[in-house]
Structure formats: structure tokens, C-alpha cells
Amino acid sequence: MTESKLIGYIRKSNSGCALKFSIDAEAFSEAEKFSTKDGREFVQLVANIPRVEDIISGDREVTSLCQLLND
């Protein structure tokens, strides 16, 4: 079973024209990172596509933004 760590939330903006990502700064700084060949570091985050679609359609207010943890 894959574990995940909550990093933040996704919401629709008040105008409805954008998605807002609210990321917990401490959780983000502690998140697992990976490096590319050019030395840049990234944090890989995931969101459930059907839940994001529900936010866009107005059927849902918020969903989680997580990181899948390596075992």
C-alpha cells in the first residue's frame, strides 16, 4: 500500500477562473525531493483528477494535494 503525506489543498478562486494551491510551508520543506540532470530540485505532488474536476465544476469545494511516499 502506498502512503501519502498531506502537503496542502486545492480550491477554486473566488472569481472561478483559477485554481488556488495552499501549500503548508513546513510540510513542503520536509517533502521528499528529486534532482534533475542539471542539478535543479523538485518536489513531486499529486491530486486526484476526478476531485479536481469536481472543484472546477463546482460540485466540490476543496481537495488535498499530497506527496506519495517511497517505501
N, C-alpha and C. Protein backbone atom coordinates (compact mmCIF):
# COMPACT_ATOMS: atom_id res chain seq x y z
N MET A 1 0.84 -1.19 0.00
CA MET A 1 0.00 0.00 0.00
C MET A 1 0.88 1.25 0.00
N THR A 2 0.57 2.17 -0.87
CA THR A 2 1.32 3.42 -0.96
C THR A 2 0.81 4.39 0.09
N GLU A 3 1.72 5.00 0.81
CA GLU A 3 1.36 6.03 1.79
C GLU A 3 1.49 7.40 1.14
N SER A 4 0.75 8.35 1.68
CA SER A 4 0.87 9.72 1.18
C SER A 4 0.94 10.68 2.35
N LYS A 5 1.51 11.84 2.07
CA LYS A 5 1.64 12.88 3.08
C LYS A 5 0.90 14.12 2.57
N LEU A 6 0.03 14.65 3.40
CA LEU A 6 -0.71 15.86 3.04
C LEU A 6 0.25 17.05 2.99
N ILE A 7 0.25 17.75 1.87
CA ILE A 7 1.12 18.91 1.69
C ILE A 7 0.30 20.19 1.63
N GLY A 8 -0.93 20.10 1.15
CA GLY A 8 -1.77 21.29 1.04
C GLY A 8 -3.13 20.98 0.46
N TYR A 9 -3.79 22.01 -0.02
CA TYR A 9 -5.15 21.90 -0.55
C TYR A 9 -5.28 22.65 -1.86
N ILE A 10 -6.27 22.25 -2.65
CA ILE A 10 -6.60 22.93 -3.91
C ILE A 10 -8.03 23.43 -3.80
N ARG A 11 -8.25 24.70 -4.16
CA ARG A 11 -9.58 25.30 -4.17
C ARG A 11 -9.74 26.11 -5.46
N LYS A 12 -10.96 26.42 -5.78
CA LYS A 12 -11.24 27.31 -6.90
C LYS A 12 -11.17 28.75 -6.39
N SER A 13 -10.64 29.66 -7.19
CA SER A 13 -10.56 31.06 -6.79
C SER A 13 -11.96 31.66 -6.69
N ASN A 14 -12.07 32.78 -5.99
CA ASN A 14 -13.37 33.44 -5.84
C ASN A 14 -13.97 33.82 -7.19
N SER A 15 -13.14 34.19 -8.14
CA SER A 15 -13.64 34.55 -9.47
C SER A 15 -14.00 33.33 -10.29
N GLY A 16 -13.49 32.15 -9.87
CA GLY A 16 -13.78 30.92 -10.58
C GLY A 16 -12.93 30.71 -11.82
N CYS A 17 -11.93 31.57 -12.02
CA CYS A 17 -11.10 31.48 -13.22
C CYS A 17 -9.75 30.81 -12.99
N ALA A 18 -9.50 30.37 -11.76
CA ALA A 18 -8.20 29.77 -11.44
C ALA A 18 -8.36 28.79 -10.30
N LEU A 19 -7.37 27.91 -10.17
CA LEU A 19 -7.28 27.02 -9.02
C LEU A 19 -6.23 27.60 -8.08
N LYS A 20 -6.55 27.61 -6.79
CA LYS A 20 -5.62 28.11 -5.78
C LYS A 20 -5.01 26.93 -5.03
N PHE A 21 -3.70 26.92 -4.96
CA PHE A 21 -2.97 25.88 -4.24
C PHE A 21 -2.46 26.47 -2.94
N SER A 22 -2.93 25.96 -1.82
CA SER A 22 -2.47 26.39 -0.50
C SER A 22 -1.55 25.30 0.03
N ILE A 23 -0.28 25.63 0.14
CA ILE A 23 0.73 24.64 0.49
C ILE A 23 1.29 24.97 1.88
N ASP A 24 1.29 23.97 2.75
CA ASP A 24 1.85 24.12 4.09
C ASP A 24 3.37 24.24 3.95
N ALA A 25 3.93 25.35 4.37
CA ALA A 25 5.36 25.62 4.17
C ALA A 25 6.24 24.58 4.87
N GLU A 26 5.88 24.20 6.08
CA GLU A 26 6.69 23.22 6.82
C GLU A 26 6.63 21.85 6.13
N ALA A 27 5.44 21.41 5.74
CA ALA A 27 5.29 20.13 5.06
C ALA A 27 6.06 20.13 3.74
N PHE A 28 6.02 21.25 3.02
CA PHE A 28 6.74 21.35 1.75
C PHE A 28 8.24 21.28 1.95
N SER A 29 8.75 21.96 2.98
CA SER A 29 10.20 21.94 3.22
C SER A 29 10.68 20.56 3.64
N GLU A 30 9.79 19.76 4.26
CA GLU A 30 10.16 18.41 4.69
C GLU A 30 9.87 17.35 3.62
N ALA A 31 9.24 17.74 2.52
CA ALA A 31 8.85 16.78 1.48
C ALA A 31 10.07 16.18 0.79
N GLU A 32 9.90 14.94 0.28
CA GLU A 32 10.97 14.30 -0.49
C GLU A 32 11.19 15.07 -1.78
N LYS A 33 12.45 15.24 -2.14
CA LYS A 33 12.82 15.97 -3.35
C LYS A 33 13.57 15.04 -4.30
N PHE A 34 13.57 15.41 -5.58
CA PHE A 34 14.41 14.69 -6.54
C PHE A 34 15.14 15.73 -7.37
N SER A 35 16.30 15.33 -7.89
CA SER A 35 17.13 16.24 -8.68
C SER A 35 17.14 15.82 -10.14
N THR A 36 17.19 16.82 -11.00
CA THR A 36 17.31 16.56 -12.43
C THR A 36 18.80 16.59 -12.81
N LYS A 37 19.08 16.23 -14.05
CA LYS A 37 20.48 16.17 -14.50
C LYS A 37 21.18 17.52 -14.40
N ASP A 38 20.39 18.61 -14.54
CA ASP A 38 21.01 19.94 -14.46
C ASP A 38 21.14 20.44 -13.02
N GLY A 39 20.81 19.58 -12.03
CA GLY A 39 21.00 19.93 -10.63
C GLY A 39 19.82 20.61 -9.95
N ARG A 40 18.75 20.87 -10.68
CA ARG A 40 17.57 21.50 -10.08
C ARG A 40 16.83 20.49 -9.22
N GLU A 41 16.25 20.96 -8.10
CA GLU A 41 15.48 20.10 -7.21
C GLU A 41 13.99 20.36 -7.37
N PHE A 42 13.21 19.29 -7.32
CA PHE A 42 11.76 19.39 -7.44
C PHE A 42 11.10 18.56 -6.36
N VAL A 43 9.86 18.93 -6.02
CA VAL A 43 9.00 18.16 -5.13
C VAL A 43 7.83 17.70 -5.98
N GLN A 44 7.60 16.39 -6.02
CA GLN A 44 6.52 15.85 -6.83
C GLN A 44 5.26 15.73 -5.97
N LEU A 45 4.18 16.39 -6.40
CA LEU A 45 2.91 16.37 -5.69
C LEU A 45 1.83 15.79 -6.58
N VAL A 46 0.80 15.21 -5.97
CA VAL A 46 -0.30 14.61 -6.73
C VAL A 46 -1.64 15.09 -6.19
N ALA A 47 -2.61 15.14 -7.10
CA ALA A 47 -4.01 15.43 -6.75
C ALA A 47 -4.88 14.48 -7.55
N ASN A 48 -5.98 14.06 -6.99
CA ASN A 48 -6.91 13.16 -7.63
C ASN A 48 -7.67 13.90 -8.73
N ILE A 49 -7.53 13.46 -9.99
CA ILE A 49 -8.12 14.16 -11.13
C ILE A 49 -9.64 14.30 -11.02
N PRO A 50 -10.39 13.23 -10.70
CA PRO A 50 -11.84 13.41 -10.58
C PRO A 50 -12.24 14.44 -9.51
N ARG A 51 -11.49 14.50 -8.43
CA ARG A 51 -11.80 15.50 -7.39
C ARG A 51 -11.49 16.91 -7.86
N VAL A 52 -10.41 17.08 -8.60
CA VAL A 52 -10.09 18.40 -9.17
C VAL A 52 -11.17 18.80 -10.18
N GLU A 53 -11.62 17.84 -10.99
CA GLU A 53 -12.71 18.13 -11.94
C GLU A 53 -13.98 18.55 -11.20
N ASP A 54 -14.26 17.91 -10.03
CA ASP A 54 -15.41 18.29 -9.22
C ASP A 54 -15.28 19.72 -8.70
N ILE A 55 -14.06 20.14 -8.37
CA ILE A 55 -13.84 21.52 -7.93
C ILE A 55 -14.13 22.47 -9.08
N ILE A 56 -13.63 22.15 -10.26
CA ILE A 56 -13.82 23.00 -11.43
C ILE A 56 -15.30 23.12 -11.77
N SER A 57 -16.04 22.02 -11.66
CA SER A 57 -17.48 22.04 -11.98
C SER A 57 -18.33 22.65 -10.88
N GLY A 58 -17.75 22.84 -9.70
CA GLY A 58 -18.49 23.43 -8.59
C GLY A 58 -19.17 22.42 -7.68
N ASP A 59 -18.93 21.11 -7.92
CA ASP A 59 -19.54 20.06 -7.10
C ASP A 59 -18.77 19.80 -5.81
N ARG A 60 -17.58 20.35 -5.71
CA ARG A 60 -16.72 20.14 -4.54
C ARG A 60 -15.99 21.44 -4.26
N GLU A 61 -15.71 21.73 -3.00
CA GLU A 61 -15.04 22.99 -2.64
C GLU A 61 -13.53 22.87 -2.55
N VAL A 62 -13.03 21.72 -2.08
CA VAL A 62 -11.60 21.58 -1.81
C VAL A 62 -11.19 20.13 -1.97
N THR A 63 -9.91 19.91 -2.29
CA THR A 63 -9.33 18.57 -2.29
C THR A 63 -7.88 18.68 -1.83
N SER A 64 -7.31 17.54 -1.51
CA SER A 64 -5.96 17.53 -0.96
C SER A 64 -4.89 17.52 -2.06
N LEU A 65 -3.74 18.01 -1.69
CA LEU A 65 -2.54 17.99 -2.51
C LEU A 65 -1.51 17.21 -1.70
N CYS A 66 -1.07 16.08 -2.22
CA CYS A 66 -0.25 15.15 -1.43
C CYS A 66 1.03 14.77 -2.14
N GLN A 67 1.91 14.16 -1.37
CA GLN A 67 3.10 13.55 -1.93
C GLN A 67 3.03 12.06 -1.62
N LEU A 68 3.24 11.23 -2.66
CA LEU A 68 3.32 9.79 -2.44
C LEU A 68 4.70 9.47 -1.90
N LEU A 69 4.73 8.72 -0.83
CA LEU A 69 6.00 8.44 -0.15
C LEU A 69 6.61 7.14 -0.67
N ASN A 70 7.94 7.17 -0.84
CA ASN A 70 8.67 5.99 -1.25
C ASN A 70 8.87 5.09 -0.04
N ASP A 71 8.73 3.80 -0.25
CA ASP A 71 8.95 2.84 0.86
C ASP A 71 10.40 2.56 1.05
